[in-house]
Amino acid sequence: MNSINWQRDIEITQFNGKKVIVKKDKTTKVFNEYFLIFLYSLISIFLLHPSSPPKFGKLIMINEGEENRKKLNKIGIPTPQLYYINKNKIIEEYIGEGNLYRFLKNDGDIKVVFKAGVITAKLHNAGFCFIDNKAQNYLVKRSELLRTDIGFIQKQESIFAKSLDIGLFLSSLIDLDSEKYRLIEKAFLDGYRSESGNKIPYLSIIIRNISSLGISLNHHNLITNLYSK
């Protein structure tokens, strides 16, 4: 069984007798990273918050390594267990419940989204941002959330970077039905506020609206949710 994301080819297989996820870099990975840098810079300029572009390259694999996972777990951001890593391949724990987008689309308990808001705020409180904070990068393990694909984490404390984390998360779920999305948005923002001291970066909804145009699959639900507020 295989699935594909924009950065890596993903395979579910066996490793040392355990079911695992194997992630291998796509041949277009470098091009995709430069394109992400371009979009990041362009949107920040468009919103009158010009920000230095993210640093990728070797930093991605450093972020994916065991040391960074330990740091994240220490501040309350759990990650899947890492079994193997080299410059273009990652083998990590298989989580049977799958990613948060699929979980919610299949009528999973929306309450778990609160924890995604808490996790995002905890990283921001530590002076970092995820940059690629899609719901697809959260894995559901029973009633807990684990954060995977952590390579894009950057030392960032700007309003734009924090707003991007929130806006991108919300836009990655905005194509779900309107009642479900309303509850999801509330749960995420409540979770974020509970950890951040009630502060939501003010560019978040603007970035949500911009990014949703590029990543949403159900355009009918997208339009409904955009015009609901």
Protein backbone atom coordinates (compact mmCIF):
# COMPACT_ATOMS: atom_id res chain seq x y z
CA MET A 1 0.00 0.00 0.00
CA ASN A 2 1.45 3.36 -1.03
CA SER A 3 0.45 6.99 -0.70
CA ILE A 4 2.16 10.14 -1.98
CA ASN A 5 2.58 13.64 -0.63
CA TRP A 6 4.15 16.67 -2.29
CA GLN A 7 7.60 16.11 -0.74
CA ARG A 8 8.05 12.36 -0.28
CA ASP A 9 6.90 9.01 -1.61
CA ILE A 10 5.37 7.07 1.28
CA GLU A 11 5.16 3.31 1.68
CA ILE A 12 3.72 1.14 4.44
CA THR A 13 5.90 -1.93 4.92
CA GLN A 14 7.76 -4.12 7.46
CA PHE A 15 11.04 -3.24 9.20
CA ASN A 16 12.63 -5.53 11.78
CA GLY A 17 9.31 -7.32 12.15
CA LYS A 18 7.33 -4.11 12.73
CA LYS A 19 4.83 -2.33 10.52
CA VAL A 20 6.38 1.02 9.59
CA ILE A 21 6.10 4.06 7.34
CA VAL A 22 8.97 4.52 4.88
CA LYS A 23 9.35 8.05 3.47
CA LYS A 24 11.67 8.57 0.50
CA ASP A 25 12.48 11.96 -1.01
CA LYS A 26 10.90 12.63 -4.39
CA THR A 27 13.14 13.67 -7.26
CA THR A 28 11.29 17.01 -7.31
CA LYS A 29 11.87 17.65 -3.58
CA VAL A 30 14.41 20.46 -4.04
CA PHE A 31 12.25 22.23 -6.62
CA ASN A 32 9.21 21.95 -4.32
CA GLU A 33 11.18 23.44 -1.43
CA TYR A 34 12.25 26.44 -3.52
CA PHE A 35 8.65 26.89 -4.64
CA LEU A 36 7.52 26.87 -0.99
CA ILE A 37 10.15 29.50 -0.16
CA PHE A 38 8.89 31.64 -3.06
CA LEU A 39 5.26 31.37 -1.88
CA TYR A 40 6.22 32.10 1.72
CA SER A 41 8.07 35.25 0.71
CA LEU A 42 5.41 36.36 -1.78
CA ILE A 43 2.51 36.04 0.68
CA SER A 44 4.46 37.77 3.46
CA ILE A 45 5.15 40.72 1.13
CA PHE A 46 1.54 40.78 -0.10
CA LEU A 47 0.35 41.00 3.54
CA LEU A 48 2.85 43.78 4.27
CA HIS A 49 4.78 41.56 6.70
CA PRO A 50 7.92 40.74 4.69
CA SER A 51 9.67 37.84 6.41
CA SER A 52 12.98 36.10 5.77
CA PRO A 53 12.35 32.84 3.88
CA PRO A 54 12.60 29.50 5.69
CA LYS A 55 15.89 27.59 5.62
CA PHE A 56 15.61 24.06 4.28
CA GLY A 57 18.28 21.73 2.82
CA LYS A 58 20.19 19.86 5.53
CA LEU A 59 18.08 21.46 8.26
CA ILE A 60 15.11 19.30 7.24
CA MET A 61 16.86 16.04 8.07
CA ILE A 62 18.33 17.53 11.27
CA ASN A 63 14.82 18.46 12.35
CA GLU A 64 13.58 14.95 11.54
CA GLY A 65 16.31 13.38 13.69
CA GLU A 66 16.10 11.81 17.14
CA GLU A 67 17.52 14.80 19.00
CA ASN A 68 14.86 17.19 17.74
CA ARG A 69 12.11 14.66 18.45
CA LYS A 70 13.29 14.44 22.05
CA LYS A 71 13.18 18.24 22.34
CA LEU A 72 9.65 18.33 20.97
CA ASN A 73 8.47 15.58 23.30
CA LYS A 74 10.00 17.48 26.21
CA ILE A 75 7.81 20.52 25.53
CA GLY A 76 4.71 18.39 25.07
CA ILE A 77 4.71 17.69 21.32
CA PRO A 78 4.74 13.90 20.80
CA THR A 79 6.13 12.45 17.57
CA PRO A 80 6.16 8.95 16.04
CA GLN A 81 9.06 6.71 17.04
CA LEU A 82 11.99 7.03 14.63
CA TYR A 83 13.61 3.74 13.53
CA TYR A 84 16.01 4.90 10.81
CA ILE A 85 17.06 8.07 9.02
CA ASN A 86 19.57 9.03 6.34
CA LYS A 87 19.86 11.94 3.91
CA ASN A 88 16.87 10.89 1.79
CA LYS A 89 14.91 8.27 3.72
CA ILE A 90 13.01 8.12 7.02
CA ILE A 91 11.52 5.03 8.67
CA GLU A 92 9.17 5.68 11.55
CA GLU A 93 6.38 4.17 13.59
CA TYR A 94 3.18 3.22 11.76
CA ILE A 95 0.08 4.79 13.29
CA GLY A 96 -2.99 2.80 12.31
CA GLU A 97 -5.61 5.51 12.79
CA GLY A 98 -3.98 7.63 10.08
CA ASN A 99 -3.75 11.39 9.72
CA LEU A 100 -6.06 13.95 11.28
CA TYR A 101 -7.70 15.02 8.02
CA ARG A 102 -8.76 11.47 7.19
CA PHE A 103 -9.82 10.86 10.80
CA LEU A 104 -12.13 13.89 10.80
CA LYS A 105 -13.47 13.22 7.31
CA ASN A 106 -14.47 9.74 8.53
CA ASP A 107 -16.43 11.29 11.44
CA GLY A 108 -13.77 10.93 14.12
CA ASP A 109 -14.16 12.80 17.40
CA ILE A 110 -13.64 16.53 16.74
CA LYS A 111 -12.48 17.07 20.33
CA VAL A 112 -9.01 15.84 19.35
CA VAL A 113 -8.54 19.03 17.27
CA PHE A 114 -8.23 20.98 20.55
CA LYS A 115 -4.91 19.18 21.05
CA ALA A 116 -3.64 20.34 17.65
CA GLY A 117 -4.23 23.92 18.80
CA VAL A 118 -2.37 23.23 22.04
CA ILE A 119 0.56 21.64 20.16
CA THR A 120 0.82 24.61 17.77
CA ALA A 121 0.82 27.11 20.65
CA LYS A 122 3.43 25.12 22.58
CA LEU A 123 5.82 25.31 19.63
CA HIS A 124 5.15 29.04 19.25
CA ASN A 125 5.78 29.59 22.97
CA ALA A 126 9.16 27.91 22.49
CA GLY A 127 10.05 30.41 19.72
CA PHE A 128 9.51 28.11 16.73
CA CYS A 129 6.95 27.56 13.96
CA PHE A 130 5.99 24.46 11.96
CA ILE A 131 5.65 26.35 8.61
CA ASP A 132 3.87 23.28 7.10
CA ASN A 133 1.16 22.88 9.74
CA LYS A 134 -1.44 20.93 7.76
CA ALA A 135 -3.90 18.55 9.44
CA GLN A 136 -2.35 15.80 7.31
CA ASN A 137 0.84 16.21 9.37
CA TYR A 138 -0.91 15.14 12.58
CA LEU A 139 -1.44 11.46 13.32
CA VAL A 140 -4.23 10.18 15.53
CA LYS A 141 -3.19 7.52 18.05
CA ARG A 142 -6.22 6.53 20.10
CA SER A 143 -7.22 9.83 21.74
CA GLU A 144 -3.78 11.43 21.30
CA LEU A 145 -2.17 13.43 18.51
CA LEU A 146 1.37 12.97 17.21
CA ARG A 147 3.12 15.49 14.97
CA THR A 148 4.90 14.00 11.97
CA ASP A 149 6.79 15.60 9.03
CA ILE A 150 8.66 17.96 11.35
CA GLY A 151 11.45 18.85 8.92
CA PHE A 152 10.19 22.37 8.20
CA ILE A 153 10.33 23.61 11.80
CA GLN A 154 12.05 27.01 11.93
CA LYS A 155 13.25 29.39 14.61
CA GLN A 156 10.55 32.01 13.98
CA GLU A 157 8.57 34.33 16.23
CA SER A 158 7.07 36.71 13.66
CA ILE A 159 3.34 37.41 13.47
CA PHE A 160 3.38 36.19 9.88
CA ALA A 161 4.97 32.79 10.65
CA LYS A 162 2.64 32.15 13.58
CA SER A 163 -0.37 33.22 11.52
CA LEU A 164 0.77 30.89 8.74
CA ASP A 165 0.76 27.90 11.13
CA ILE A 166 -2.80 28.64 12.22
CA GLY A 167 -4.14 29.66 8.82
CA LEU A 168 -2.64 26.67 7.01
CA PHE A 169 -4.04 24.23 9.58
CA LEU A 170 -7.54 25.67 9.21
CA SER A 171 -7.34 25.82 5.41
CA SER A 172 -6.33 22.14 5.25
CA LEU A 173 -9.71 21.23 6.77
CA ILE A 174 -11.95 23.94 5.32
CA ASP A 175 -13.28 21.67 2.56
CA LEU A 176 -15.15 19.51 5.10
CA ASP A 177 -18.87 20.10 5.57
CA SER A 178 -19.76 23.46 7.10
CA GLU A 179 -21.11 22.32 10.48
CA LYS A 180 -18.13 20.05 11.04
CA TYR A 181 -15.67 22.75 9.99
CA ARG A 182 -17.28 25.29 12.34
CA LEU A 183 -16.67 22.94 15.28
CA ILE A 184 -13.14 22.13 14.08
CA GLU A 185 -12.16 25.79 13.84
CA LYS A 186 -13.54 26.53 17.30
CA ALA A 187 -11.79 23.51 18.86
CA PHE A 188 -8.42 24.41 17.30
CA LEU A 189 -8.56 28.09 18.27
CA ASP A 190 -9.76 27.22 21.79
CA GLY A 191 -6.81 24.86 22.16
CA TYR A 192 -4.40 27.51 20.88
CA ARG A 193 -5.81 30.16 23.23
CA SER A 194 -5.60 27.83 26.23
CA GLU A 195 -1.82 27.60 25.76
CA SER A 196 -0.99 31.03 24.30
CA GLY A 197 -2.82 33.23 26.79
CA ASN A 198 -5.81 33.98 24.57
CA LYS A 199 -3.74 35.48 21.73
CA ILE A 200 -4.52 34.57 18.11
CA PRO A 201 -2.16 36.18 15.54
CA TYR A 202 -4.33 38.56 13.55
CA LEU A 203 -3.26 37.45 10.05
CA SER A 204 -4.45 33.87 10.64
CA ILE A 205 -7.86 34.06 8.96
CA ILE A 206 -6.53 36.07 6.00
CA ILE A 207 -3.86 33.41 5.42
CA ARG A 208 -6.49 30.70 5.86
CA ASN A 209 -8.54 32.22 3.06
CA ILE A 210 -5.57 32.63 0.72
CA SER A 211 -4.05 29.19 1.25
CA SER A 212 -7.39 27.37 1.11
CA LEU A 213 -7.77 28.36 -2.56
CA GLY A 214 -4.71 26.27 -3.40
CA ILE A 215 -5.14 23.17 -1.24
CA SER A 216 -8.88 22.51 -0.84
CA LEU A 217 -10.43 19.64 -2.79
CA ASN A 218 -14.16 20.26 -2.23
CA HIS A 219 -14.76 23.71 -3.67
CA HIS A 220 -18.46 23.80 -2.76
CA ASN A 221 -17.68 23.31 0.95
CA LEU A 222 -14.75 25.71 0.64
CA ILE A 223 -16.95 28.54 -0.67
CA THR A 224 -19.63 27.82 1.95
CA ASN A 225 -17.10 27.95 4.79
CA LEU A 226 -15.35 31.05 3.48
CA TYR A 227 -18.60 32.98 3.31
CA SER A 228 -19.92 31.73 6.65
CA LYS A 229 -17.90 34.43 8.48
